[in-house]
């Protein structure tokens, strides 16, 4: 028999369900009702009720029992109700309608944020979970990402071969971000066009502690998407931040890239739109890096193949 603490811990662990019939009763009916007619369920990841601390706050809050159901044409998020509350609405998004995919990989804290268009209306799927779930849905998650950026997913046993050019681009990038890009970005088989690393930006205040304007950030452009890898914001300069938050924007969803001067920096503004829905992603960069990135983007859009390649650190 397992010790009590091990039994209790196991109750919070995510697990796979290979069919809708294997979902908990609290989720099964809503999942079946929400799937479009003719949709075939591939597999599901079930998250038991848990208490999580969000990226914005250290305060623990209850997260209801939920499941992420991967199908042959999209992904469904269904949640049970918390005590005294109504169950949240289900969300079903097709990958070709996604404007961005955001994932948090911070110790045991996992989070997904998918923003897309459903019938020309904006829809956001947000799910918090124990990060031990990532390996359980690795194949399905990668398949969803590849569909969103318009690539065929590599075979499960296919090892990606890094080119000499990619090695050269990443050799001057901090190891944490280079390895993060390889692990969380380039598994799709995309080819890296260029990268920029922006160290954290701080400003002095009248208070005792300085204020962080922007965290350590890596921008990467591939032949299929734009990626933003960043740390959580730090409260003090010497804070060591764990893990990364990764935002992937499909290349086909990017409408324009502009920059606007902001004090001694430039704010890179990435306009995104798909299927009647639009949004914007903003990143603070040093002026020279913002100029380089605009050139990188303009070179990528001028021809089918990039005409500007490089890295700036």
C-alpha atoms as a PDB file:
ATOM      1  CA  UNK A   1       0.000   0.000   0.000  1.00  0.00           C
ATOM      2  CA  UNK A   2       1.249   3.478  -0.883  1.00  0.00           C
ATOM      3  CA  UNK A   3       2.003   5.912   1.942  1.00  0.00           C
ATOM      4  CA  UNK A   4      -0.791   8.504   2.388  1.00  0.00           C
ATOM      5  CA  UNK A   5       1.250  11.349   0.907  1.00  0.00           C
ATOM      6  CA  UNK A   6       1.938   9.354  -2.255  1.00  0.00           C
ATOM      7  CA  UNK A   7      -1.696   8.369  -2.608  1.00  0.00           C
ATOM      8  CA  UNK A   8      -2.767  11.974  -2.223  1.00  0.00           C
ATOM      9  CA  UNK A   9      -0.223  13.224  -4.776  1.00  0.00           C
ATOM     10  CA  UNK A  10      -1.306  10.671  -7.360  1.00  0.00           C
ATOM     11  CA  UNK A  11      -4.878  11.933  -7.194  1.00  0.00           C
ATOM     12  CA  UNK A  12      -3.767  15.215  -8.776  1.00  0.00           C
ATOM     13  CA  UNK A  13      -1.739  13.720 -11.614  1.00  0.00           C
ATOM     14  CA  UNK A  14      -3.036  14.116 -15.188  1.00  0.00           C
ATOM     15  CA  UNK A  15      -3.720  10.949 -17.154  1.00  0.00           C
ATOM     16  CA  UNK A  16      -4.631   9.909 -20.697  1.00  0.00           C
ATOM     17  CA  UNK A  17      -8.034   8.735 -21.891  1.00  0.00           C
ATOM     18  CA  UNK A  18      -8.017   7.053 -25.294  1.00  0.00           C
ATOM     19  CA  UNK A  19     -11.747   7.446 -25.873  1.00  0.00           C
ATOM     20  CA  UNK A  20     -14.569   9.760 -24.776  1.00  0.00           C
ATOM     21  CA  UNK A  21     -16.108   6.875 -22.881  1.00  0.00           C
ATOM     22  CA  UNK A  22     -13.024   6.875 -20.621  1.00  0.00           C
ATOM     23  CA  UNK A  23     -13.575  10.488 -19.537  1.00  0.00           C
ATOM     24  CA  UNK A  24     -14.897  11.117 -16.012  1.00  0.00           C
ATOM     25  CA  UNK A  25     -18.672  11.283 -15.848  1.00  0.00           C
ATOM     26  CA  UNK A  26     -18.475  14.977 -14.940  1.00  0.00           C
ATOM     27  CA  UNK A  27     -16.866  15.710 -18.341  1.00  0.00           C
ATOM     28  CA  UNK A  28     -18.166  13.009 -20.658  1.00  0.00           C
ATOM     29  CA  UNK A  29     -21.587  14.425 -21.489  1.00  0.00           C
ATOM     30  CA  UNK A  30     -20.374  17.970 -22.148  1.00  0.00           C
ATOM     31  CA  UNK A  31     -17.524  16.681 -24.339  1.00  0.00           C
ATOM     32  CA  UNK A  32     -19.837  14.557 -26.487  1.00  0.00           C
ATOM     33  CA  UNK A  33     -22.304  17.411 -26.897  1.00  0.00           C
ATOM     34  CA  UNK A  34     -19.616  19.930 -27.889  1.00  0.00           C
ATOM     35  CA  UNK A  35     -17.863  17.931 -30.617  1.00  0.00           C
ATOM     36  CA  UNK A  36     -19.014  18.749 -34.169  1.00  0.00           C
ATOM     37  CA  UNK A  37     -20.958  16.027 -35.960  1.00  0.00           C
ATOM     38  CA  UNK A  38     -18.641  13.558 -37.647  1.00  0.00           C
ATOM     39  CA  UNK A  39     -15.623  14.486 -35.524  1.00  0.00           C
ATOM     40  CA  UNK A  40     -13.458  11.579 -34.486  1.00  0.00           C
ATOM     41  CA  UNK A  41     -11.875  11.705 -31.062  1.00  0.00           C
ATOM     42  CA  UNK A  42      -8.208  10.780 -31.069  1.00  0.00           C
ATOM     43  CA  UNK A  43      -7.292  10.983 -27.389  1.00  0.00           C
ATOM     44  CA  UNK A  44      -7.777  13.120 -24.315  1.00  0.00           C
ATOM     45  CA  UNK A  45      -5.710  14.391 -21.419  1.00  0.00           C
ATOM     46  CA  UNK A  46      -7.625  14.504 -18.135  1.00  0.00           C
ATOM     47  CA  UNK A  47      -6.640  16.914 -15.355  1.00  0.00           C
ATOM     48  CA  UNK A  48      -8.131  16.147 -11.927  1.00  0.00           C
ATOM     49  CA  UNK A  49      -9.248  19.011  -9.700  1.00  0.00           C
ATOM     50  CA  UNK A  50      -6.165  20.772  -8.371  1.00  0.00           C
ATOM     51  CA  UNK A  51      -4.891  23.971  -6.773  1.00  0.00           C
ATOM     52  CA  UNK A  52      -2.464  25.985  -8.861  1.00  0.00           C
ATOM     53  CA  UNK A  53      -0.541  29.239  -8.537  1.00  0.00           C
ATOM     54  CA  UNK A  54      -0.878  31.393 -11.624  1.00  0.00           C
ATOM     55  CA  UNK A  55       1.892  33.224 -13.478  1.00  0.00           C
ATOM     56  CA  UNK A  56       0.595  36.530 -12.117  1.00  0.00           C
ATOM     57  CA  UNK A  57       0.104  35.520  -8.493  1.00  0.00           C
ATOM     58  CA  UNK A  58       1.568  33.138  -5.927  1.00  0.00           C
ATOM     59  CA  UNK A  59      -1.864  32.639  -4.377  1.00  0.00           C
ATOM     60  CA  UNK A  60      -3.224  29.146  -4.966  1.00  0.00           C
ATOM     61  CA  UNK A  61      -6.621  28.927  -6.609  1.00  0.00           C
ATOM     62  CA  UNK A  62      -8.807  25.919  -7.407  1.00  0.00           C
ATOM     63  CA  UNK A  63      -8.662  24.546 -10.950  1.00  0.00           C
ATOM     64  CA  UNK A  64     -11.673  22.388 -11.879  1.00  0.00           C
ATOM     65  CA  UNK A  65     -11.492  18.893 -13.289  1.00  0.00           C
ATOM     66  CA  UNK A  66     -10.937  19.293 -17.017  1.00  0.00           C
ATOM     67  CA  UNK A  67      -9.898  17.539 -20.192  1.00  0.00           C
ATOM     68  CA  UNK A  68      -8.162  18.518 -23.397  1.00  0.00           C
ATOM     69  CA  UNK A  69      -9.597  16.370 -26.177  1.00  0.00           C
ATOM     70  CA  UNK A  70      -7.583  16.072 -29.388  1.00  0.00           C
ATOM     71  CA  UNK A  71      -9.594  15.155 -32.467  1.00  0.00           C
ATOM     72  CA  UNK A  72      -8.904  14.619 -36.154  1.00  0.00           C
ATOM     73  CA  UNK A  73      -9.843  18.257 -36.868  1.00  0.00           C
ATOM     74  CA  UNK A  74      -9.204  20.308 -33.734  1.00  0.00           C
ATOM     75  CA  UNK A  75      -8.960  20.462 -29.969  1.00  0.00           C
ATOM     76  CA  UNK A  76     -11.718  20.626 -27.341  1.00  0.00           C
ATOM     77  CA  UNK A  77     -11.408  21.967 -23.796  1.00  0.00           C
ATOM     78  CA  UNK A  78     -14.099  20.882 -21.352  1.00  0.00           C
ATOM     79  CA  UNK A  79     -14.281  21.679 -17.639  1.00  0.00           C
ATOM     80  CA  UNK A  80     -16.395  20.457 -14.738  1.00  0.00           C
ATOM     81  CA  UNK A  81     -17.972  22.848 -12.251  1.00  0.00           C
ATOM     82  CA  UNK A  82     -16.456  23.870  -8.958  1.00  0.00           C
ATOM     83  CA  UNK A  83     -18.641  23.662  -5.856  1.00  0.00           C
ATOM     84  CA  UNK A  84     -21.360  26.278  -6.025  1.00  0.00           C
ATOM     85  CA  UNK A  85     -20.448  27.403  -9.549  1.00  0.00           C
ATOM     86  CA  UNK A  86     -21.684  26.645 -13.043  1.00  0.00           C
ATOM     87  CA  UNK A  87     -19.399  24.700 -15.357  1.00  0.00           C
ATOM     88  CA  UNK A  88     -17.425  26.940 -17.775  1.00  0.00           C
ATOM     89  CA  UNK A  89     -18.392  26.801 -21.441  1.00  0.00           C
ATOM     90  CA  UNK A  90     -16.603  24.287 -23.618  1.00  0.00           C
ATOM     91  CA  UNK A  91     -14.186  25.595 -26.260  1.00  0.00           C
ATOM     92  CA  UNK A  92     -13.469  23.903 -29.590  1.00  0.00           C
ATOM     93  CA  UNK A  93     -10.847  25.360 -31.939  1.00  0.00           C
ATOM     94  CA  UNK A  94      -9.543  24.167 -35.286  1.00  0.00           C
ATOM     95  CA  UNK A  95      -5.759  24.585 -35.675  1.00  0.00           C
ATOM     96  CA  UNK A  96      -5.959  26.480 -38.957  1.00  0.00           C
ATOM     97  CA  UNK A  97      -7.945  29.188 -37.129  1.00  0.00           C
ATOM     98  CA  UNK A  98      -5.364  29.749 -34.363  1.00  0.00           C
ATOM     99  CA  UNK A  99      -3.743  33.192 -34.140  1.00  0.00           C
ATOM    100  CA  UNK A 100      -1.205  32.147 -31.513  1.00  0.00           C
ATOM    101  CA  UNK A 101      -0.309  29.290 -29.171  1.00  0.00           C
ATOM    102  CA  UNK A 102       1.230  30.073 -25.790  1.00  0.00           C
ATOM    103  CA  UNK A 103       2.667  27.499 -23.406  1.00  0.00           C
ATOM    104  CA  UNK A 104       4.281  27.847 -19.976  1.00  0.00           C
ATOM    105  CA  UNK A 105       7.037  25.458 -18.898  1.00  0.00           C
ATOM    106  CA  UNK A 106       7.914  26.565 -15.374  1.00  0.00           C
ATOM    107  CA  UNK A 107       8.908  23.784 -12.977  1.00  0.00           C
ATOM    108  CA  UNK A 108       5.653  21.916 -12.178  1.00  0.00           C
ATOM    109  CA  UNK A 109       3.434  24.703 -13.472  1.00  0.00           C
ATOM    110  CA  UNK A 110       2.048  24.072 -16.946  1.00  0.00           C
ATOM    111  CA  UNK A 111      -0.305  26.356 -18.823  1.00  0.00           C
ATOM    112  CA  UNK A 112      -1.794  26.494 -22.304  1.00  0.00           C
ATOM    113  CA  UNK A 113      -3.320  29.538 -23.945  1.00  0.00           C
ATOM    114  CA  UNK A 114      -4.739  29.134 -27.439  1.00  0.00           C
ATOM    115  CA  UNK A 115      -6.290  32.163 -29.113  1.00  0.00           C
ATOM    116  CA  UNK A 116      -8.301  31.639 -32.265  1.00  0.00           C
ATOM    117  CA  UNK A 117     -11.341  32.381 -34.363  1.00  0.00           C
ATOM    118  CA  UNK A 118     -14.616  30.475 -34.262  1.00  0.00           C
ATOM    119  CA  UNK A 119     -17.221  31.718 -36.726  1.00  0.00           C
ATOM    120  CA  UNK A 120     -15.321  35.032 -36.949  1.00  0.00           C
ATOM    121  CA  UNK A 121     -15.518  35.531 -33.184  1.00  0.00           C
ATOM    122  CA  UNK A 122     -12.461  35.557 -30.863  1.00  0.00           C
ATOM    123  CA  UNK A 123     -12.122  32.509 -28.612  1.00  0.00           C
ATOM    124  CA  UNK A 124      -9.479  31.832 -25.981  1.00  0.00           C
ATOM    125  CA  UNK A 125      -8.701  28.414 -24.507  1.00  0.00           C
ATOM    126  CA  UNK A 126      -6.816  28.588 -21.192  1.00  0.00           C
ATOM    127  CA  UNK A 127      -5.814  25.531 -19.198  1.00  0.00           C
ATOM    128  CA  UNK A 128      -3.587  25.233 -16.113  1.00  0.00           C
ATOM    129  CA  UNK A 129      -2.179  21.871 -15.094  1.00  0.00           C
ATOM    130  CA  UNK A 130       0.636  19.910 -13.498  1.00  0.00           C
ATOM    131  CA  UNK A 131       3.481  19.955 -16.030  1.00  0.00           C
ATOM    132  CA  UNK A 132       3.961  16.174 -15.769  1.00  0.00           C
ATOM    133  CA  UNK A 133       1.160  16.193 -18.366  1.00  0.00           C
ATOM    134  CA  UNK A 134       3.432  17.434 -21.167  1.00  0.00           C
ATOM    135  CA  UNK A 135       4.965  14.034 -22.043  1.00  0.00           C
ATOM    136  CA  UNK A 136       1.495  12.447 -21.966  1.00  0.00           C
ATOM    137  CA  UNK A 137       0.266  14.649 -24.812  1.00  0.00           C
ATOM    138  CA  UNK A 138       3.518  15.235 -26.664  1.00  0.00           C
ATOM    139  CA  UNK A 139       2.474  13.561 -29.929  1.00  0.00           C
ATOM    140  CA  UNK A 140      -0.970  15.178 -30.036  1.00  0.00           C
ATOM    141  CA  UNK A 141       0.355  18.618 -29.061  1.00  0.00           C
ATOM    142  CA  UNK A 142       3.015  18.550 -31.754  1.00  0.00           C
ATOM    143  CA  UNK A 143       0.439  17.460 -34.306  1.00  0.00           C
ATOM    144  CA  UNK A 144      -1.801  20.387 -33.347  1.00  0.00           C
ATOM    145  CA  UNK A 145       1.085  22.867 -33.601  1.00  0.00           C
ATOM    146  CA  UNK A 146       2.145  21.552 -37.016  1.00  0.00           C
ATOM    147  CA  UNK A 147      -1.400  21.866 -38.356  1.00  0.00           C
ATOM    148  CA  UNK A 148      -1.585  25.449 -37.041  1.00  0.00           C
ATOM    149  CA  UNK A 149       1.578  26.466 -38.914  1.00  0.00           C
ATOM    150  CA  UNK A 150       0.825  24.435 -42.032  1.00  0.00           C
ATOM    151  CA  UNK A 151       3.456  21.704 -41.755  1.00  0.00           C
ATOM    152  CA  UNK A 152       3.198  17.933 -41.726  1.00  0.00           C
ATOM    153  CA  UNK A 153       4.334  16.633 -38.322  1.00  0.00           C
ATOM    154  CA  UNK A 154       7.613  14.687 -38.323  1.00  0.00           C
ATOM    155  CA  UNK A 155       7.441  10.956 -37.647  1.00  0.00           C
ATOM    156  CA  UNK A 156       7.582  10.172 -33.888  1.00  0.00           C
ATOM    157  CA  UNK A 157      10.931   8.409 -34.268  1.00  0.00           C
ATOM    158  CA  UNK A 158      12.414  11.010 -36.628  1.00  0.00           C
ATOM    159  CA  UNK A 159      15.369  12.874 -35.144  1.00  0.00           C
ATOM    160  CA  UNK A 160      15.752  16.460 -36.254  1.00  0.00           C
ATOM    161  CA  UNK A 161      19.155  17.219 -37.736  1.00  0.00           C
ATOM    162  CA  UNK A 162      20.424  20.674 -36.863  1.00  0.00           C
ATOM    163  CA  UNK A 163      22.154  22.442 -39.726  1.00  0.00           C
ATOM    164  CA  UNK A 164      25.501  24.168 -39.366  1.00  0.00           C
ATOM    165  CA  UNK A 165      23.777  27.499 -40.009  1.00  0.00           C
ATOM    166  CA  UNK A 166      21.375  26.936 -37.111  1.00  0.00           C
ATOM    167  CA  UNK A 167      24.247  25.996 -34.834  1.00  0.00           C
ATOM    168  CA  UNK A 168      25.995  29.211 -35.811  1.00  0.00           C
ATOM    169  CA  UNK A 169      22.845  31.273 -35.181  1.00  0.00           C
ATOM    170  CA  UNK A 170      22.355  29.812 -31.700  1.00  0.00           C
ATOM    171  CA  UNK A 171      25.932  29.592 -30.481  1.00  0.00           C
ATOM    172  CA  UNK A 172      25.912  33.193 -29.209  1.00  0.00           C
ATOM    173  CA  UNK A 173      22.476  32.888 -27.579  1.00  0.00           C
ATOM    174  CA  UNK A 174      22.378  32.096 -23.822  1.00  0.00           C
ATOM    175  CA  UNK A 175      22.290  28.307 -23.399  1.00  0.00           C
ATOM    176  CA  UNK A 176      18.932  28.330 -21.617  1.00  0.00           C
ATOM    177  CA  UNK A 177      17.246  30.031 -24.559  1.00  0.00           C
ATOM    178  CA  UNK A 178      19.093  28.079 -27.255  1.00  0.00           C
ATOM    179  CA  UNK A 179      18.080  24.781 -25.672  1.00  0.00           C
ATOM    180  CA  UNK A 180      14.583  26.111 -25.015  1.00  0.00           C
ATOM    181  CA  UNK A 181      14.161  26.980 -28.686  1.00  0.00           C
ATOM    182  CA  UNK A 182      15.331  23.528 -29.724  1.00  0.00           C
ATOM    183  CA  UNK A 183      13.059  21.799 -27.214  1.00  0.00           C
ATOM    184  CA  UNK A 184       9.933  23.946 -27.395  1.00  0.00           C
ATOM    185  CA  UNK A 185      10.154  25.452 -30.875  1.00  0.00           C
ATOM    186  CA  UNK A 186      12.024  23.577 -33.564  1.00  0.00           C
ATOM    187  CA  UNK A 187      10.595  20.070 -32.961  1.00  0.00           C
ATOM    188  CA  UNK A 188       8.183  20.738 -35.836  1.00  0.00           C
ATOM    189  CA  UNK A 189      10.933  20.486 -38.437  1.00  0.00           C
ATOM    190  CA  UNK A 190      10.914  24.231 -39.150  1.00  0.00           C
ATOM    191  CA  UNK A 191      14.043  25.884 -40.501  1.00  0.00           C
ATOM    192  CA  UNK A 192      15.466  28.724 -38.452  1.00  0.00           C
ATOM    193  CA  UNK A 193      15.854  32.021 -40.332  1.00  0.00           C
ATOM    194  CA  UNK A 194      17.141  34.341 -37.608  1.00  0.00           C
ATOM    195  CA  UNK A 195      17.146  35.083 -33.872  1.00  0.00           C
ATOM    196  CA  UNK A 196      17.450  38.060 -31.527  1.00  0.00           C
ATOM    197  CA  UNK A 197      18.175  37.896 -27.809  1.00  0.00           C
ATOM    198  CA  UNK A 198      17.088  40.860 -25.701  1.00  0.00           C
ATOM    199  CA  UNK A 199      18.465  40.905 -22.133  1.00  0.00           C
ATOM    200  CA  UNK A 200      16.085  41.986 -19.392  1.00  0.00           C
ATOM    201  CA  UNK A 201      15.380  45.718 -19.242  1.00  0.00           C
ATOM    202  CA  UNK A 202      15.220  47.465 -15.872  1.00  0.00           C
ATOM    203  CA  UNK A 203      14.385  51.004 -14.875  1.00  0.00           C
ATOM    204  CA  UNK A 204      15.267  52.821 -11.674  1.00  0.00           C
ATOM    205  CA  UNK A 205      12.423  53.975  -9.467  1.00  0.00           C
ATOM    206  CA  UNK A 206      12.115  56.074  -6.361  1.00  0.00           C
ATOM    207  CA  UNK A 207      11.342  52.922  -4.424  1.00  0.00           C
ATOM    208  CA  UNK A 208      14.036  50.674  -2.951  1.00  0.00           C
ATOM    209  CA  UNK A 209      13.729  48.100  -5.738  1.00  0.00           C
ATOM    210  CA  UNK A 210      14.139  48.692  -9.452  1.00  0.00           C
ATOM    211  CA  UNK A 211      11.341  47.776 -11.819  1.00  0.00           C
ATOM    212  CA  UNK A 212      11.707  45.249 -14.626  1.00  0.00           C
ATOM    213  CA  UNK A 213      10.270  46.631 -17.856  1.00  0.00           C
ATOM    214  CA  UNK A 214      10.867  43.467 -19.886  1.00  0.00           C
ATOM    215  CA  UNK A 215      12.235  39.990 -19.041  1.00  0.00           C
ATOM    216  CA  UNK A 216      15.017  38.124 -20.828  1.00  0.00           C
ATOM    217  CA  UNK A 217      13.505  37.428 -24.262  1.00  0.00           C
ATOM    218  CA  UNK A 218      14.427  35.499 -27.400  1.00  0.00           C
ATOM    219  CA  UNK A 219      12.750  36.231 -30.735  1.00  0.00           C
ATOM    220  CA  UNK A 220      13.076  33.566 -33.420  1.00  0.00           C
ATOM    221  CA  UNK A 221      11.827  33.589 -36.998  1.00  0.00           C
ATOM    222  CA  UNK A 222      11.449  30.322 -38.908  1.00  0.00           C
ATOM    223  CA  UNK A 223      10.064  29.480 -42.315  1.00  0.00           C
ATOM    224  CA  UNK A 224       6.664  28.750 -40.707  1.00  0.00           C
ATOM    225  CA  UNK A 225       6.260  30.802 -37.541  1.00  0.00           C
ATOM    226  CA  UNK A 226       7.521  33.497 -35.219  1.00  0.00           C
ATOM    227  CA  UNK A 227       8.451  32.459 -31.686  1.00  0.00           C
ATOM    228  CA  UNK A 228       8.832  34.516 -28.514  1.00  0.00           C
ATOM    229  CA  UNK A 229      10.582  32.783 -25.614  1.00  0.00           C
ATOM    230  CA  UNK A 230      10.653  34.733 -22.367  1.00  0.00           C
ATOM    231  CA  UNK A 231      11.151  34.299 -18.674  1.00  0.00           C
ATOM    232  CA  UNK A 232       8.650  35.299 -16.039  1.00  0.00           C
ATOM    233  CA  UNK A 233       9.072  38.874 -14.895  1.00  0.00           C
ATOM    234  CA  UNK A 234      11.500  39.183 -11.971  1.00  0.00           C
ATOM    235  CA  UNK A 235      10.952  41.289  -8.864  1.00  0.00           C
ATOM    236  CA  UNK A 236      14.646  41.988  -8.229  1.00  0.00           C
ATOM    237  CA  UNK A 237      17.668  42.033 -10.512  1.00  0.00           C
ATOM    238  CA  UNK A 238      19.372  38.989  -8.984  1.00  0.00           C
ATOM    239  CA  UNK A 239      16.305  36.750  -9.127  1.00  0.00           C
ATOM    240  CA  UNK A 240      16.935  33.471 -10.964  1.00  0.00           C
ATOM    241  CA  UNK A 241      13.960  32.665 -13.157  1.00  0.00           C
ATOM    242  CA  UNK A 242      13.100  29.043 -13.952  1.00  0.00           C
ATOM    243  CA  UNK A 243      11.549  27.719 -17.129  1.00  0.00           C
ATOM    244  CA  UNK A 244      10.202  29.599 -20.126  1.00  0.00           C
ATOM    245  CA  UNK A 245       6.966  30.945 -21.552  1.00  0.00           C
ATOM    246  CA  UNK A 246       6.736  30.251 -25.289  1.00  0.00           C
ATOM    247  CA  UNK A 247       4.450  32.080 -27.718  1.00  0.00           C
ATOM    248  CA  UNK A 248       4.207  30.755 -31.273  1.00  0.00           C
ATOM    249  CA  UNK A 249       2.567  32.823 -34.018  1.00  0.00           C
ATOM    250  CA  UNK A 250       1.873  31.025 -37.320  1.00  0.00           C
ATOM    251  CA  UNK A 251       3.596  32.820 -40.185  1.00  0.00           C
ATOM    252  CA  UNK A 252       0.338  32.867 -42.168  1.00  0.00           C
ATOM    253  CA  UNK A 253      -1.412  34.785 -39.367  1.00  0.00           C
ATOM    254  CA  UNK A 254       1.075  37.676 -39.218  1.00  0.00           C
ATOM    255  CA  UNK A 255      -0.286  40.732 -41.007  1.00  0.00           C
ATOM    256  CA  UNK A 256       2.418  43.294 -40.283  1.00  0.00           C
ATOM    257  CA  UNK A 257       5.427  44.061 -38.100  1.00  0.00           C
ATOM    258  CA  UNK A 258       6.051  47.657 -37.030  1.00  0.00           C
ATOM    259  CA  UNK A 259       7.954  49.386 -34.248  1.00  0.00           C
ATOM    260  CA  UNK A 260       7.334  52.496 -32.175  1.00  0.00           C
ATOM    261  CA  UNK A 261       9.930  54.437 -30.159  1.00  0.00           C
ATOM    262  CA  UNK A 262       9.411  54.156 -26.410  1.00  0.00           C
ATOM    263  CA  UNK A 263      11.934  56.098 -24.363  1.00  0.00           C
ATOM    264  CA  UNK A 264      15.337  54.529 -25.103  1.00  0.00           C
ATOM    265  CA  UNK A 265      13.744  51.372 -26.545  1.00  0.00           C
ATOM    266  CA  UNK A 266      11.491  50.419 -29.438  1.00  0.00           C
ATOM    267  CA  UNK A 267       8.246  48.512 -29.060  1.00  0.00           C
ATOM    268  CA  UNK A 268       7.924  45.871 -31.753  1.00  0.00           C
ATOM    269  CA  UNK A 269       4.251  45.472 -32.671  1.00  0.00           C
ATOM    270  CA  UNK A 270       3.253  42.241 -34.389  1.00  0.00           C
ATOM    271  CA  UNK A 271      -0.223  42.477 -35.929  1.00  0.00           C
ATOM    272  CA  UNK A 272      -1.980  39.099 -36.152  1.00  0.00           C
ATOM    273  CA  UNK A 273      -5.249  38.205 -37.904  1.00  0.00           C
ATOM    274  CA  UNK A 274      -7.136  35.117 -39.067  1.00  0.00           C
ATOM    275  CA  UNK A 275     -10.710  34.401 -40.077  1.00  0.00           C
ATOM    276  CA  UNK A 276     -12.057  37.829 -39.129  1.00  0.00           C
ATOM    277  CA  UNK A 277     -10.298  38.052 -35.744  1.00  0.00           C
ATOM    278  CA  UNK A 278      -7.235  40.153 -34.954  1.00  0.00           C
ATOM    279  CA  UNK A 279      -4.889  40.819 -32.049  1.00  0.00           C
ATOM    280  CA  UNK A 280      -1.390  42.161 -31.391  1.00  0.00           C
ATOM    281  CA  UNK A 281       1.803  40.990 -29.698  1.00  0.00           C
ATOM    282  CA  UNK A 282       4.257  43.581 -28.376  1.00  0.00           C
ATOM    283  CA  UNK A 283       7.933  43.089 -27.526  1.00  0.00           C
ATOM    284  CA  UNK A 284      10.391  45.703 -26.225  1.00  0.00           C
ATOM    285  CA  UNK A 285      13.777  45.745 -27.962  1.00  0.00           C
ATOM    286  CA  UNK A 286      16.844  47.922 -28.163  1.00  0.00           C
ATOM    287  CA  UNK A 287      16.575  50.139 -31.297  1.00  0.00           C
ATOM    288  CA  UNK A 288      19.283  48.306 -33.257  1.00  0.00           C
ATOM    289  CA  UNK A 289      17.662  44.949 -32.589  1.00  0.00           C
ATOM    290  CA  UNK A 290      14.223  46.231 -33.560  1.00  0.00           C
ATOM    291  CA  UNK A 291      15.669  47.508 -36.840  1.00  0.00           C
ATOM    292  CA  UNK A 292      17.365  44.165 -37.475  1.00  0.00           C
ATOM    293  CA  UNK A 293      14.106  42.320 -36.808  1.00  0.00           C
ATOM    294  CA  UNK A 294      12.135  44.499 -39.189  1.00  0.00           C
ATOM    295  CA  UNK A 295      14.720  43.799 -41.860  1.00  0.00           C
ATOM    296  CA  UNK A 296      14.556  40.106 -41.100  1.00  0.00           C
ATOM    297  CA  UNK A 297      10.777  40.129 -41.439  1.00  0.00           C
ATOM    298  CA  UNK A 298      10.765  42.240 -44.589  1.00  0.00           C
ATOM    299  CA  UNK A 299      13.323  39.918 -46.134  1.00  0.00           C
ATOM    300  CA  UNK A 300      11.201  36.909 -45.231  1.00  0.00           C
ATOM    301  CA  UNK A 301       8.085  38.398 -46.809  1.00  0.00           C
ATOM    302  CA  UNK A 302       9.808  39.668 -49.951  1.00  0.00           C
ATOM    303  CA  UNK A 303      10.454  36.179 -51.331  1.00  0.00           C
ATOM    304  CA  UNK A 304       9.442  32.603 -50.672  1.00  0.00           C
ATOM    305  CA  UNK A 305      12.923  32.089 -49.210  1.00  0.00           C
ATOM    306  CA  UNK A 306      14.491  34.476 -46.691  1.00  0.00           C
ATOM    307  CA  UNK A 307      16.946  37.006 -48.074  1.00  0.00           C
ATOM    308  CA  UNK A 308      18.097  38.247 -44.688  1.00  0.00           C
ATOM    309  CA  UNK A 309      19.487  35.799 -42.182  1.00  0.00           C
ATOM    310  CA  UNK A 310      21.388  36.228 -38.980  1.00  0.00           C
ATOM    311  CA  UNK A 311      21.444  36.610 -35.254  1.00  0.00           C
ATOM    312  CA  UNK A 312      21.754  39.576 -32.920  1.00  0.00           C
ATOM    313  CA  UNK A 313      22.569  39.225 -29.239  1.00  0.00           C
END
